[in-house]
Protein backbone atom coordinates (compact mmCIF):
# COMPACT_ATOMS: atom_id res chain seq x y z
CA MET A 1 -29.25 25.22 -79.42
CA SER A 2 -26.46 22.66 -79.89
CA LEU A 3 -26.20 19.60 -77.64
CA ALA A 4 -23.00 20.97 -76.10
CA LEU A 5 -24.61 24.29 -75.21
CA ALA A 6 -27.67 22.54 -73.83
CA HIS A 7 -25.45 20.37 -71.61
CA LYS A 8 -23.57 23.41 -70.27
CA ARG A 9 -26.85 25.11 -69.47
CA ARG A 10 -28.11 22.08 -67.55
CA VAL A 11 -24.87 21.92 -65.57
CA ARG A 12 -25.16 25.62 -64.64
CA GLU A 13 -28.81 25.19 -63.63
CA GLN A 14 -28.03 22.12 -61.50
CA GLY A 15 -25.17 23.96 -59.82
CA ALA A 16 -27.39 26.93 -59.06
CA ALA A 17 -30.10 24.67 -57.67
CA ALA A 18 -27.60 22.86 -55.44
CA ALA A 19 -26.27 26.17 -54.13
CA ALA A 20 -29.80 27.41 -53.47
CA THR A 21 -30.65 24.33 -51.38
CA GLY A 22 -27.31 24.21 -49.56
CA ALA A 23 -26.45 20.84 -51.12
CA ARG A 24 -22.85 19.94 -51.88
CA ALA A 25 -21.88 18.14 -55.07
CA TYR A 26 -20.62 14.59 -54.58
CA THR A 27 -16.86 14.38 -55.02
CA PRO A 28 -14.22 12.30 -53.19
CA ALA A 29 -13.41 15.38 -51.11
CA THR A 30 -17.05 15.84 -50.03
CA ALA A 31 -17.93 12.15 -49.78
CA LEU A 32 -18.77 12.46 -46.07
CA ALA A 33 -19.90 16.09 -46.10
CA GLY A 34 -23.50 15.18 -45.30
CA PRO A 35 -25.97 12.28 -45.08
CA ALA A 36 -26.81 12.17 -48.79
CA ASN A 37 -23.21 12.13 -49.96
CA ALA A 38 -22.27 9.72 -47.19
CA GLN A 39 -24.85 7.22 -48.39
CA LYS A 40 -23.54 7.45 -51.96
CA HIS A 41 -20.01 6.89 -50.74
CA LEU A 42 -21.07 4.03 -48.48
CA ALA A 43 -22.73 2.33 -51.46
CA LEU A 44 -19.48 2.55 -53.41
CA MET A 45 -17.43 1.27 -50.46
CA THR A 46 -19.89 -1.57 -49.84
CA THR A 47 -19.63 -2.68 -53.47
CA ALA A 48 -15.83 -2.70 -53.20
CA MET A 49 -16.02 -4.56 -49.90
CA ASP A 50 -18.31 -7.24 -51.38
CA ALA A 51 -15.78 -7.82 -54.16
CA ASP A 52 -12.96 -8.13 -51.63
CA LEU A 53 -14.97 -10.58 -49.52
CA GLU A 54 -15.36 -12.73 -52.62
CA ARG A 55 -11.57 -12.59 -53.10
CA ILE A 56 -11.09 -13.80 -49.53
CA SER A 57 -13.61 -16.62 -49.87
CA ALA A 58 -11.74 -17.94 -52.91
CA ILE A 59 -8.52 -18.42 -50.88
CA ASN A 60 -8.10 -21.74 -49.07
CA SER A 61 -5.05 -20.86 -46.98
CA ARG A 62 -5.88 -19.17 -43.69
CA GLU A 63 -2.41 -17.64 -43.56
CA THR A 64 -2.83 -16.14 -47.02
CA ARG A 65 -6.26 -14.78 -46.13
CA GLN A 66 -4.88 -13.16 -43.01
CA ALA A 67 -2.00 -11.59 -44.93
CA LEU A 68 -4.42 -10.18 -47.52
CA LYS A 69 -6.59 -8.62 -44.80
CA ARG A 70 -3.65 -7.21 -42.83
CA ASP A 71 -1.42 -5.98 -45.64
CA GLU A 72 -3.86 -4.86 -48.35
CA LEU A 73 -7.50 -4.66 -47.32
CA LEU A 74 -7.25 -3.02 -43.90
CA PRO A 75 -5.05 -0.17 -45.19
CA LYS A 76 -7.52 0.20 -48.06
CA TYR A 77 -10.57 0.72 -45.80
CA LEU A 78 -9.19 2.21 -42.58
CA ASP A 79 -8.94 5.70 -44.08
CA TYR A 80 -12.64 5.64 -44.90
CA VAL A 81 -13.48 4.35 -41.42
CA GLN A 82 -11.46 7.13 -39.79
CA ARG A 83 -13.13 9.80 -41.93
CA TYR A 84 -16.53 8.37 -41.06
CA ARG A 85 -15.67 8.50 -37.36
CA GLU A 86 -14.58 12.14 -37.67
CA SER A 87 -17.65 13.14 -39.71
CA GLY A 88 -20.10 13.05 -36.80
CA LEU A 89 -22.49 10.92 -38.86
CA ASN A 90 -24.31 7.93 -37.43
CA HIS A 91 -25.91 5.43 -39.77
CA PRO A 92 -25.66 1.66 -40.24
CA ASN A 93 -22.19 1.07 -41.65
CA PRO A 94 -21.39 -2.49 -42.78
CA VAL A 95 -17.96 -1.43 -44.03
CA LEU A 96 -16.94 -0.20 -40.58
CA MET A 97 -18.17 -3.43 -39.04
CA GLN A 98 -16.29 -5.63 -41.50
CA VAL A 99 -13.13 -3.66 -40.74
CA LEU A 100 -13.77 -4.37 -37.05
CA VAL A 101 -13.98 -8.10 -37.79
CA TRP A 102 -10.75 -8.01 -39.79
CA LEU A 103 -8.91 -6.22 -36.99
CA PHE A 104 -9.73 -9.10 -34.65
CA ASP A 105 -9.03 -11.67 -37.36
CA THR A 106 -5.50 -10.27 -37.63
CA ALA A 107 -5.00 -9.90 -33.84
CA GLN A 108 -4.81 -6.10 -33.92
CA PHE A 109 -6.57 -5.87 -30.59
CA GLU A 110 -5.79 -2.33 -29.48
CA ALA A 111 -7.22 -0.85 -32.69
CA GLY A 112 -10.03 -3.41 -32.63
CA ILE A 113 -11.16 -2.62 -29.09
CA GLU A 114 -11.05 1.11 -29.78
CA LEU A 115 -13.18 0.68 -32.90
CA ALA A 116 -15.52 -1.65 -31.02
CA ASP A 117 -16.14 1.04 -28.40
CA PHE A 118 -17.04 3.47 -31.18
CA ALA A 119 -19.34 0.93 -32.85
CA ILE A 120 -21.08 0.11 -29.58
CA GLY A 121 -21.60 3.82 -28.92
CA GLN A 122 -23.27 4.15 -32.31
CA GLY A 123 -25.41 1.05 -31.90
CA GLN A 124 -23.82 -0.59 -34.94
CA GLN A 125 -24.59 -4.22 -35.75
CA LEU A 126 -22.25 -6.93 -36.97
CA PRO A 127 -22.93 -8.63 -40.32
CA GLU A 128 -25.95 -10.91 -39.96
CA ARG A 129 -23.90 -14.11 -40.24
CA PHE A 130 -22.35 -13.48 -36.81
CA LYS A 131 -25.63 -13.62 -34.85
CA ARG A 132 -23.94 -11.86 -31.91
CA ASP A 133 -23.70 -8.33 -30.61
CA VAL A 134 -20.40 -6.46 -30.77
CA GLN A 135 -19.60 -7.02 -27.10
CA THR A 136 -19.99 -10.79 -27.32
CA PHE A 137 -17.99 -10.94 -30.54
CA VAL A 138 -15.06 -9.00 -29.06
CA ALA A 139 -15.02 -10.95 -25.80
CA ASP A 140 -15.26 -14.32 -27.59
CA GLU A 141 -12.64 -13.52 -30.20
CA LEU A 142 -10.09 -12.30 -27.67
CA ILE A 143 -10.46 -15.19 -25.24
CA ASP A 144 -10.34 -17.75 -28.08
CA TRP A 145 -7.06 -16.17 -29.23
CA ALA A 146 -5.73 -15.94 -25.66
CA GLU A 147 -6.39 -19.59 -24.87
CA ALA A 148 -4.71 -20.64 -28.12
CA GLU A 149 -1.69 -18.42 -27.36
CA HIS A 150 -1.36 -19.90 -23.89
CA LYS A 151 -1.61 -23.44 -25.24
CA ALA A 152 1.16 -22.60 -27.70
CA GLY A 153 3.40 -21.38 -24.87
CA ARG A 154 3.01 -17.67 -25.60
CA SER A 155 1.68 -14.99 -23.27
CA PRO A 156 -1.82 -13.64 -24.00
CA GLU A 157 -1.22 -10.60 -21.86
CA PRO A 158 -1.85 -7.72 -21.48
CA TYR A 159 -5.08 -8.11 -23.44
CA VAL A 160 -6.87 -10.55 -21.13
CA SER A 161 -6.31 -8.37 -18.06
CA GLN A 162 -7.16 -5.20 -19.99
CA LEU A 163 -10.51 -6.54 -21.14
CA LEU A 164 -11.47 -8.12 -17.82
CA PRO A 165 -13.21 -5.01 -16.35
CA ARG A 166 -15.47 -4.95 -19.43
CA VAL A 167 -16.38 -8.63 -19.39
CA ASP A 168 -16.83 -8.76 -15.60
CA GLY A 169 -17.94 -5.36 -14.38
CA THR A 170 -18.39 -6.51 -10.77
CA TRP A 171 -14.84 -7.85 -10.45
CA ASP A 172 -13.00 -6.06 -7.69
CA GLY A 173 -10.06 -8.36 -7.25
CA PHE A 174 -6.39 -8.18 -8.08
CA THR A 175 -6.66 -7.23 -11.77
CA GLN A 176 -8.43 -3.95 -12.44
CA GLY A 177 -7.24 -3.29 -15.99
CA GLY A 178 -5.09 -0.29 -15.14
CA GLU A 179 -5.70 3.08 -13.55
CA GLY A 180 -8.30 5.62 -14.58
CA GLU A 181 -12.02 5.49 -15.13
CA ARG A 182 -13.40 1.98 -15.50
CA PRO A 183 -15.27 1.32 -18.76
CA ALA A 184 -18.94 0.41 -18.70
CA PRO A 185 -19.29 -3.36 -18.20
CA TRP A 186 -20.75 -5.52 -20.93
CA GLU A 187 -23.73 -7.84 -20.51
CA LEU A 188 -22.45 -11.29 -21.47
CA PHE A 189 -23.30 -14.94 -20.93
CA GLU A 190 -21.54 -15.90 -17.68
CA ARG A 191 -19.35 -18.53 -19.30
CA ILE A 192 -17.43 -15.84 -21.17
CA PRO A 193 -16.10 -13.90 -18.15
CA ALA A 194 -15.56 -17.23 -16.40
CA ARG A 195 -13.13 -18.21 -19.19
CA TYR A 196 -11.19 -14.98 -18.60
CA HIS A 197 -10.92 -15.67 -14.88
CA LYS A 198 -9.94 -19.29 -15.49
CA LEU A 199 -7.09 -18.30 -17.79
CA LEU A 200 -5.92 -15.53 -15.46
CA GLY A 201 -6.02 -18.01 -12.58
CA VAL A 202 -3.92 -20.49 -14.54
CA LEU A 203 -1.42 -17.77 -15.45
CA ALA A 204 -1.17 -16.77 -11.79
CA MET A 205 -0.56 -20.40 -10.80
CA GLU A 206 2.26 -20.63 -13.32
CA ARG A 207 3.83 -17.59 -11.64
CA LYS A 208 3.20 -19.22 -8.23
CA ASP A 209 1.17 -16.13 -7.38
CA TRP A 210 -1.29 -18.03 -5.26
CA ALA A 211 -3.61 -15.34 -3.88
CA PRO A 212 -4.65 -13.98 -7.31
CA ALA A 213 -4.88 -17.54 -8.60
CA VAL A 214 -7.37 -18.47 -5.88
CA ALA A 215 -9.34 -15.27 -6.40
CA HIS A 216 -9.66 -15.75 -10.17
CA LEU A 217 -10.50 -19.44 -9.97
CA ASN A 218 -13.11 -18.81 -7.27
CA ARG A 219 -14.67 -16.09 -9.43
CA ALA A 220 -14.69 -18.40 -12.45
CA THR A 221 -16.57 -21.02 -10.44
CA GLU A 222 -18.98 -18.44 -9.04
CA LEU A 223 -19.83 -17.20 -12.53
CA TYR A 224 -20.06 -20.61 -14.22
CA PRO A 225 -19.79 -23.69 -11.98
CA GLU A 226 -19.20 -25.97 -14.98
CA ILE A 227 -16.02 -24.10 -15.96
CA GLY A 228 -13.90 -27.00 -14.68
CA VAL A 229 -11.35 -25.53 -12.28
CA LYS A 230 -11.99 -27.60 -9.14
CA THR A 231 -8.67 -29.45 -9.12
CA ARG A 232 -6.69 -26.31 -9.94
CA LEU A 233 -8.51 -24.33 -7.27
CA GLU A 234 -7.82 -26.96 -4.61
CA GLY A 235 -4.15 -26.98 -5.57
CA ALA A 236 -3.91 -23.18 -5.49
CA GLU A 237 -5.65 -23.01 -2.09
CA LYS A 238 -3.28 -25.62 -0.67
CA ALA A 239 -0.24 -23.75 -1.98
CA LEU A 240 -1.59 -20.46 -0.62
CA ARG A 241 -2.12 -21.95 2.85
CA LYS A 242 1.40 -23.33 2.84
CA GLN A 243 2.80 -19.96 1.73
CA GLN A 244 0.89 -18.15 4.47
CA ALA A 245 2.01 -20.62 7.09
CA GLU A 246 5.63 -20.27 6.07
CA ALA A 247 5.33 -16.48 6.15
CA GLY A 248 3.84 -16.71 9.63
CA THR A 249 6.78 -18.71 10.97
CA ALA A 250 9.48 -16.70 9.23
């Protein structure tokens, strides 16, 4: 038997064996058709991701790195992440988690929070270098960005208010994060939700919206006394008393 005929016979036998066991051949179209194929595809995607991470690490400019992630790499991997989400599979997925990190790196918070909810539901873990769970990563990244935006004279809303019910599940004050069912609160170190309340209190003071300002600053102090809002809180309370007195005599 010639080598060509022998090869054809092996291919037919392998195809028959796969059909008999219900297995599906690995192709791009069936890459997420089952656990075995999904693992093969994940290995390929992880190899590609490692190469792209090396590309990023070789770039000194933060702006250039961000542009590469936003304009080239996220579009490259988001299709895979979406297909994984739709597949019903659940296995450790470092590619999905790196995409999550890049979404927050590039300030794409709506997509990032949605993907974070999915990752938390699956029990996914961030790359080891982060040494944090997903909830802490998301809360830290957003408040770091929000404080920088505020310092630069730009509004960090609506993201701070939207995330507040997750970072402080017991908060029942002026900002509820919109109508509808409240998301499950996250377990976080108290300083993190205190930073959210501090910033929201400052924003309310800038609007001269004294009642929410006092509420947020009081909550920040309650959560983390070292948060450093004493002077602001005293000023907001004084302004609120004056406002109430003037309303009473009007």
